[in-house]
Amino acid sequence: MLKVSREVPLLEIILYPVTVQGKNASNEIINQIIKCNHDNEVDVIMLIRGGARLRI
């Protein structure tokens, strides 16, 4: 996210964090998409899931 902020400084990034595993994950995702949809400032919705922790 820091790299995006440096390369496109006029871009505002709003995070809507959710749980992506477990029995409550789907409800959290749906509720955050609904919340994001109601925000007048949001033009694009991206669903991105991070990877697992790096194991060495």
PDB file of N, CA and C in Angstrom:
ATOM      1  N   MET A   1       0.823  -1.189   0.000  1.00  0.00           N
ATOM      2  CA  MET A   1       0.000   0.000   0.000  1.00  0.00           C
ATOM      3  C   MET A   1       0.864   1.249   0.000  1.00  0.00           C
ATOM      4  N   LEU A   2       1.989   1.208   0.688  1.00  0.00           N
ATOM      5  CA  LEU A   2       2.871   2.370   0.711  1.00  0.00           C
ATOM      6  C   LEU A   2       3.400   2.684  -0.673  1.00  0.00           C
ATOM      7  N   LYS A   3       3.726   1.650  -1.452  1.00  0.00           N
ATOM      8  CA  LYS A   3       4.231   1.871  -2.802  1.00  0.00           C
ATOM      9  C   LYS A   3       3.167   2.550  -3.664  1.00  0.00           C
ATOM     10  N   VAL A   4       1.935   2.120  -3.563  1.00  0.00           N
ATOM     11  CA  VAL A   4       0.852   2.745  -4.326  1.00  0.00           C
ATOM     12  C   VAL A   4       0.712   4.204  -3.929  1.00  0.00           C
ATOM     13  N   SER A   5       0.770   4.496  -2.642  1.00  0.00           N
ATOM     14  CA  SER A   5       0.649   5.874  -2.160  1.00  0.00           C
ATOM     15  C   SER A   5       1.765   6.761  -2.688  1.00  0.00           C
ATOM     16  N   ARG A   6       2.965   6.210  -2.816  1.00  0.00           N
ATOM     17  CA  ARG A   6       4.084   7.001  -3.338  1.00  0.00           C
ATOM     18  C   ARG A   6       3.959   7.237  -4.830  1.00  0.00           C
ATOM     19  N   GLU A   7       3.538   6.214  -5.566  1.00  0.00           N
ATOM     20  CA  GLU A   7       3.495   6.323  -7.022  1.00  0.00           C
ATOM     21  C   GLU A   7       2.255   7.064  -7.523  1.00  0.00           C
ATOM     22  N   VAL A   8       1.177   7.013  -6.763  1.00  0.00           N
ATOM     23  CA  VAL A   8      -0.061   7.702  -7.136  1.00  0.00           C
ATOM     24  C   VAL A   8      -0.541   8.473  -5.911  1.00  0.00           C
ATOM     25  N   PRO A   9       0.104   9.613  -5.606  1.00  0.00           N
ATOM     26  CA  PRO A   9      -0.192  10.315  -4.354  1.00  0.00           C
ATOM     27  C   PRO A   9      -1.615  10.869  -4.252  1.00  0.00           C
ATOM     28  N   LEU A  10      -2.299  11.073  -5.353  1.00  0.00           N
ATOM     29  CA  LEU A  10      -3.659  11.609  -5.301  1.00  0.00           C
ATOM     30  C   LEU A  10      -4.709  10.522  -5.085  1.00  0.00           C
ATOM     31  N   LEU A  11      -4.286   9.271  -5.122  1.00  0.00           N
ATOM     32  CA  LEU A  11      -5.193   8.150  -4.924  1.00  0.00           C
ATOM     33  C   LEU A  11      -5.442   7.933  -3.442  1.00  0.00           C
ATOM     34  N   GLU A  12      -6.703   7.894  -3.051  1.00  0.00           N
ATOM     35  CA  GLU A  12      -7.047   7.609  -1.660  1.00  0.00           C
ATOM     36  C   GLU A  12      -7.452   6.148  -1.552  1.00  0.00           C
ATOM     37  N   ILE A  13      -6.829   5.432  -0.649  1.00  0.00           N
ATOM     38  CA  ILE A  13      -7.126   4.017  -0.441  1.00  0.00           C
ATOM     39  C   ILE A  13      -7.887   3.872   0.869  1.00  0.00           C
ATOM     40  N   ILE A  14      -9.055   3.275   0.796  1.00  0.00           N
ATOM     41  CA  ILE A  14      -9.876   3.028   1.980  1.00  0.00           C
ATOM     42  C   ILE A  14      -9.938   1.519   2.176  1.00  0.00           C
ATOM     43  N   LEU A  15      -9.542   1.048   3.346  1.00  0.00           N
ATOM     44  CA  LEU A  15      -9.557  -0.381   3.625  1.00  0.00           C
ATOM     45  C   LEU A  15     -10.806  -0.764   4.402  1.00  0.00           C
ATOM     46  N   TYR A  16     -11.393  -1.861   4.021  1.00  0.00           N
ATOM     47  CA  TYR A  16     -12.522  -2.453   4.726  1.00  0.00           C
ATOM     48  C   TYR A  16     -12.094  -3.869   5.119  1.00  0.00           C
ATOM     49  N   PRO A  17     -11.383  -4.016   6.219  1.00  0.00           N
ATOM     50  CA  PRO A  17     -10.830  -5.326   6.573  1.00  0.00           C
ATOM     51  C   PRO A  17     -11.911  -6.325   6.990  1.00  0.00           C
ATOM     52  N   VAL A  18     -11.708  -7.577   6.600  1.00  0.00           N
ATOM     53  CA  VAL A  18     -12.634  -8.657   6.948  1.00  0.00           C
ATOM     54  C   VAL A  18     -11.854  -9.931   7.240  1.00  0.00           C
ATOM     55  N   THR A  19     -12.516 -10.854   7.892  1.00  0.00           N
ATOM     56  CA  THR A  19     -11.993 -12.197   8.063  1.00  0.00           C
ATOM     57  C   THR A  19     -12.296 -12.966   6.783  1.00  0.00           C
ATOM     58  N   VAL A  20     -11.340 -13.736   6.275  1.00  0.00           N
ATOM     59  CA  VAL A  20     -11.569 -14.464   5.025  1.00  0.00           C
ATOM     60  C   VAL A  20     -11.679 -15.971   5.234  1.00  0.00           C
ATOM     61  N   GLN A  21     -11.589 -16.406   6.474  1.00  0.00           N
ATOM     62  CA  GLN A  21     -11.761 -17.822   6.774  1.00  0.00           C
ATOM     63  C   GLN A  21     -12.674 -17.961   7.978  1.00  0.00           C
ATOM     64  N   GLY A  22     -13.360 -19.081   8.050  1.00  0.00           N
ATOM     65  CA  GLY A  22     -14.227 -19.341   9.192  1.00  0.00           C
ATOM     66  C   GLY A  22     -15.686 -19.111   8.869  1.00  0.00           C
ATOM     67  N   LYS A  23     -16.539 -19.455   9.833  1.00  0.00           N
ATOM     68  CA  LYS A  23     -17.980 -19.417   9.582  1.00  0.00           C
ATOM     69  C   LYS A  23     -18.542 -18.008   9.442  1.00  0.00           C
ATOM     70  N   ASN A  24     -17.871 -16.995   9.974  1.00  0.00           N
ATOM     71  CA  ASN A  24     -18.370 -15.617   9.875  1.00  0.00           C
ATOM     72  C   ASN A  24     -17.802 -14.854   8.687  1.00  0.00           C
ATOM     73  N   ALA A  25     -16.876 -15.460   7.961  1.00  0.00           N
ATOM     74  CA  ALA A  25     -16.184 -14.750   6.881  1.00  0.00           C
ATOM     75  C   ALA A  25     -17.139 -14.225   5.811  1.00  0.00           C
ATOM     76  N   SER A  26     -18.034 -15.065   5.332  1.00  0.00           N
ATOM     77  CA  SER A  26     -18.919 -14.623   4.243  1.00  0.00           C
ATOM     78  C   SER A  26     -19.810 -13.461   4.674  1.00  0.00           C
ATOM     79  N   ASN A  27     -20.314 -13.503   5.904  1.00  0.00           N
ATOM     80  CA  ASN A  27     -21.142 -12.391   6.387  1.00  0.00           C
ATOM     81  C   ASN A  27     -20.336 -11.109   6.522  1.00  0.00           C
ATOM     82  N   GLU A  28     -19.108 -11.206   7.009  1.00  0.00           N
ATOM     83  CA  GLU A  28     -18.258 -10.016   7.125  1.00  0.00           C
ATOM     84  C   GLU A  28     -17.986  -9.411   5.757  1.00  0.00           C
ATOM     85  N   ILE A  29     -17.674 -10.257   4.780  1.00  0.00           N
ATOM     86  CA  ILE A  29     -17.386  -9.770   3.429  1.00  0.00           C
ATOM     87  C   ILE A  29     -18.614  -9.076   2.850  1.00  0.00           C
ATOM     88  N   ILE A  30     -19.768  -9.707   2.966  1.00  0.00           N
ATOM     89  CA  ILE A  30     -21.012  -9.120   2.450  1.00  0.00           C
ATOM     90  C   ILE A  30     -21.300  -7.781   3.123  1.00  0.00           C
ATOM     91  N   ASN A  31     -21.188  -7.729   4.448  1.00  0.00           N
ATOM     92  CA  ASN A  31     -21.474  -6.484   5.175  1.00  0.00           C
ATOM     93  C   ASN A  31     -20.521  -5.364   4.793  1.00  0.00           C
ATOM     94  N   GLN A  32     -19.251  -5.667   4.586  1.00  0.00           N
ATOM     95  CA  GLN A  32     -18.296  -4.626   4.209  1.00  0.00           C
ATOM     96  C   GLN A  32     -18.519  -4.157   2.771  1.00  0.00           C
ATOM     97  N   ILE A  33     -18.922  -5.064   1.881  1.00  0.00           N
ATOM     98  CA  ILE A  33     -19.250  -4.643   0.512  1.00  0.00           C
ATOM     99  C   ILE A  33     -20.465  -3.717   0.531  1.00  0.00           C
ATOM    100  N   ILE A  34     -21.460  -4.044   1.335  1.00  0.00           N
ATOM    101  CA  ILE A  34     -22.642  -3.176   1.465  1.00  0.00           C
ATOM    102  C   ILE A  34     -22.228  -1.809   2.002  1.00  0.00           C
ATOM    103  N   LYS A  35     -21.393  -1.798   3.040  1.00  0.00           N
ATOM    104  CA  LYS A  35     -20.909  -0.533   3.607  1.00  0.00           C
ATOM    105  C   LYS A  35     -20.129   0.264   2.568  1.00  0.00           C
ATOM    106  N   CYS A  36     -19.267  -0.413   1.843  1.00  0.00           N
ATOM    107  CA  CYS A  36     -18.467   0.240   0.800  1.00  0.00           C
ATOM    108  C   CYS A  36     -19.372   0.824  -0.288  1.00  0.00           C
ATOM    109  N   ASN A  37     -20.399   0.092  -0.653  1.00  0.00           N
ATOM    110  CA  ASN A  37     -21.350   0.546  -1.667  1.00  0.00           C
ATOM    111  C   ASN A  37     -22.085   1.808  -1.244  1.00  0.00           C
ATOM    112  N   HIS A  38     -22.313   1.976   0.045  1.00  0.00           N
ATOM    113  CA  HIS A  38     -23.024   3.153   0.544  1.00  0.00           C
ATOM    114  C   HIS A  38     -22.121   4.378   0.687  1.00  0.00           C
ATOM    115  N   ASP A  39     -20.817   4.172   0.698  1.00  0.00           N
ATOM    116  CA  ASP A  39     -19.884   5.302   0.776  1.00  0.00           C
ATOM    117  C   ASP A  39     -19.836   6.007  -0.573  1.00  0.00           C
ATOM    118  N   ASN A  40     -20.151   7.271  -0.591  1.00  0.00           N
ATOM    119  CA  ASN A  40     -20.166   8.023  -1.846  1.00  0.00           C
ATOM    120  C   ASN A  40     -18.779   8.277  -2.408  1.00  0.00           C
ATOM    121  N   GLU A  41     -17.746   8.063  -1.624  1.00  0.00           N
ATOM    122  CA  GLU A  41     -16.384   8.347  -2.073  1.00  0.00           C
ATOM    123  C   GLU A  41     -15.758   7.190  -2.841  1.00  0.00           C
ATOM    124  N   VAL A  42     -16.386   6.030  -2.851  1.00  0.00           N
ATOM    125  CA  VAL A  42     -15.789   4.836  -3.436  1.00  0.00           C
ATOM    126  C   VAL A  42     -16.205   4.687  -4.892  1.00  0.00           C
ATOM    127  N   ASP A  43     -15.199   4.602  -5.789  1.00  0.00           N
ATOM    128  CA  ASP A  43     -15.450   4.397  -7.212  1.00  0.00           C
ATOM    129  C   ASP A  43     -15.147   2.967  -7.646  1.00  0.00           C
ATOM    130  N   VAL A  44     -14.222   2.321  -6.964  1.00  0.00           N
ATOM    131  CA  VAL A  44     -13.779   0.978  -7.334  1.00  0.00           C
ATOM    132  C   VAL A  44     -13.719   0.114  -6.082  1.00  0.00           C
ATOM    133  N   ILE A  45     -14.218  -1.105  -6.189  1.00  0.00           N
ATOM    134  CA  ILE A  45     -14.115  -2.074  -5.095  1.00  0.00           C
ATOM    135  C   ILE A  45     -13.183  -3.190  -5.554  1.00  0.00           C
ATOM    136  N   MET A  46     -12.149  -3.445  -4.773  1.00  0.00           N
ATOM    137  CA  MET A  46     -11.215  -4.534  -5.073  1.00  0.00           C
ATOM    138  C   MET A  46     -11.234  -5.511  -3.905  1.00  0.00           C
ATOM    139  N   LEU A  47     -11.408  -6.786  -4.200  1.00  0.00           N
ATOM    140  CA  LEU A  47     -11.340  -7.823  -3.177  1.00  0.00           C
ATOM    141  C   LEU A  47      -9.979  -8.497  -3.301  1.00  0.00           C
ATOM    142  N   ILE A  48      -9.157  -8.339  -2.280  1.00  0.00           N
ATOM    143  CA  ILE A  48      -7.796  -8.870  -2.324  1.00  0.00           C
ATOM    144  C   ILE A  48      -7.548  -9.663  -1.054  1.00  0.00           C
ATOM    145  N   ARG A  49      -7.094 -10.877  -1.218  1.00  0.00           N
ATOM    146  CA  ARG A  49      -6.775 -11.717  -0.061  1.00  0.00           C
ATOM    147  C   ARG A  49      -5.267 -11.864   0.013  1.00  0.00           C
ATOM    148  N   GLY A  50      -4.716 -11.556   1.167  1.00  0.00           N
ATOM    149  CA  GLY A  50      -3.280 -11.695   1.358  1.00  0.00           C
ATOM    150  C   GLY A  50      -2.881 -13.151   1.480  1.00  0.00           C
ATOM    151  N   GLY A  51      -1.616 -13.397   1.271  1.00  0.00           N
ATOM    152  CA  GLY A  51      -1.101 -14.757   1.372  1.00  0.00           C
ATOM    153  C   GLY A  51      -0.785 -15.137   2.803  1.00  0.00           C
ATOM    154  N   ALA A  52      -0.366 -16.348   2.958  1.00  0.00           N
ATOM    155  CA  ALA A  52       0.016 -16.848   4.277  1.00  0.00           C
ATOM    156  C   ALA A  52       1.347 -16.253   4.707  1.00  0.00           C
ATOM    157  N   ARG A  53       1.652 -16.418   5.960  1.00  0.00           N
ATOM    158  CA  ARG A  53       2.910 -15.929   6.500  1.00  0.00           C
ATOM    159  C   ARG A  53       4.085 -16.638   5.822  1.00  0.00           C
ATOM    160  N   LEU A  54       5.129 -15.915   5.542  1.00  0.00           N
ATOM    161  CA  LEU A  54       6.327 -16.491   4.929  1.00  0.00           C
ATOM    162  C   LEU A  54       6.999 -17.431   5.913  1.00  0.00           C
ATOM    163  N   ARG A  55       7.240 -18.650   5.475  1.00  0.00           N
ATOM    164  CA  ARG A  55       7.896 -19.644   6.334  1.00  0.00           C
ATOM    165  C   ARG A  55       9.280 -19.933   5.792  1.00  0.00           C
ATOM    166  N   ILE A  56      10.263 -19.812   6.658  1.00  0.00           N
ATOM    167  CA  ILE A  56      11.655 -20.062   6.237  1.00  0.00           C
ATOM    168  C   ILE A  56      12.162 -21.316   6.910  1.00  0.00           C
TER     169      ILE A  56
END
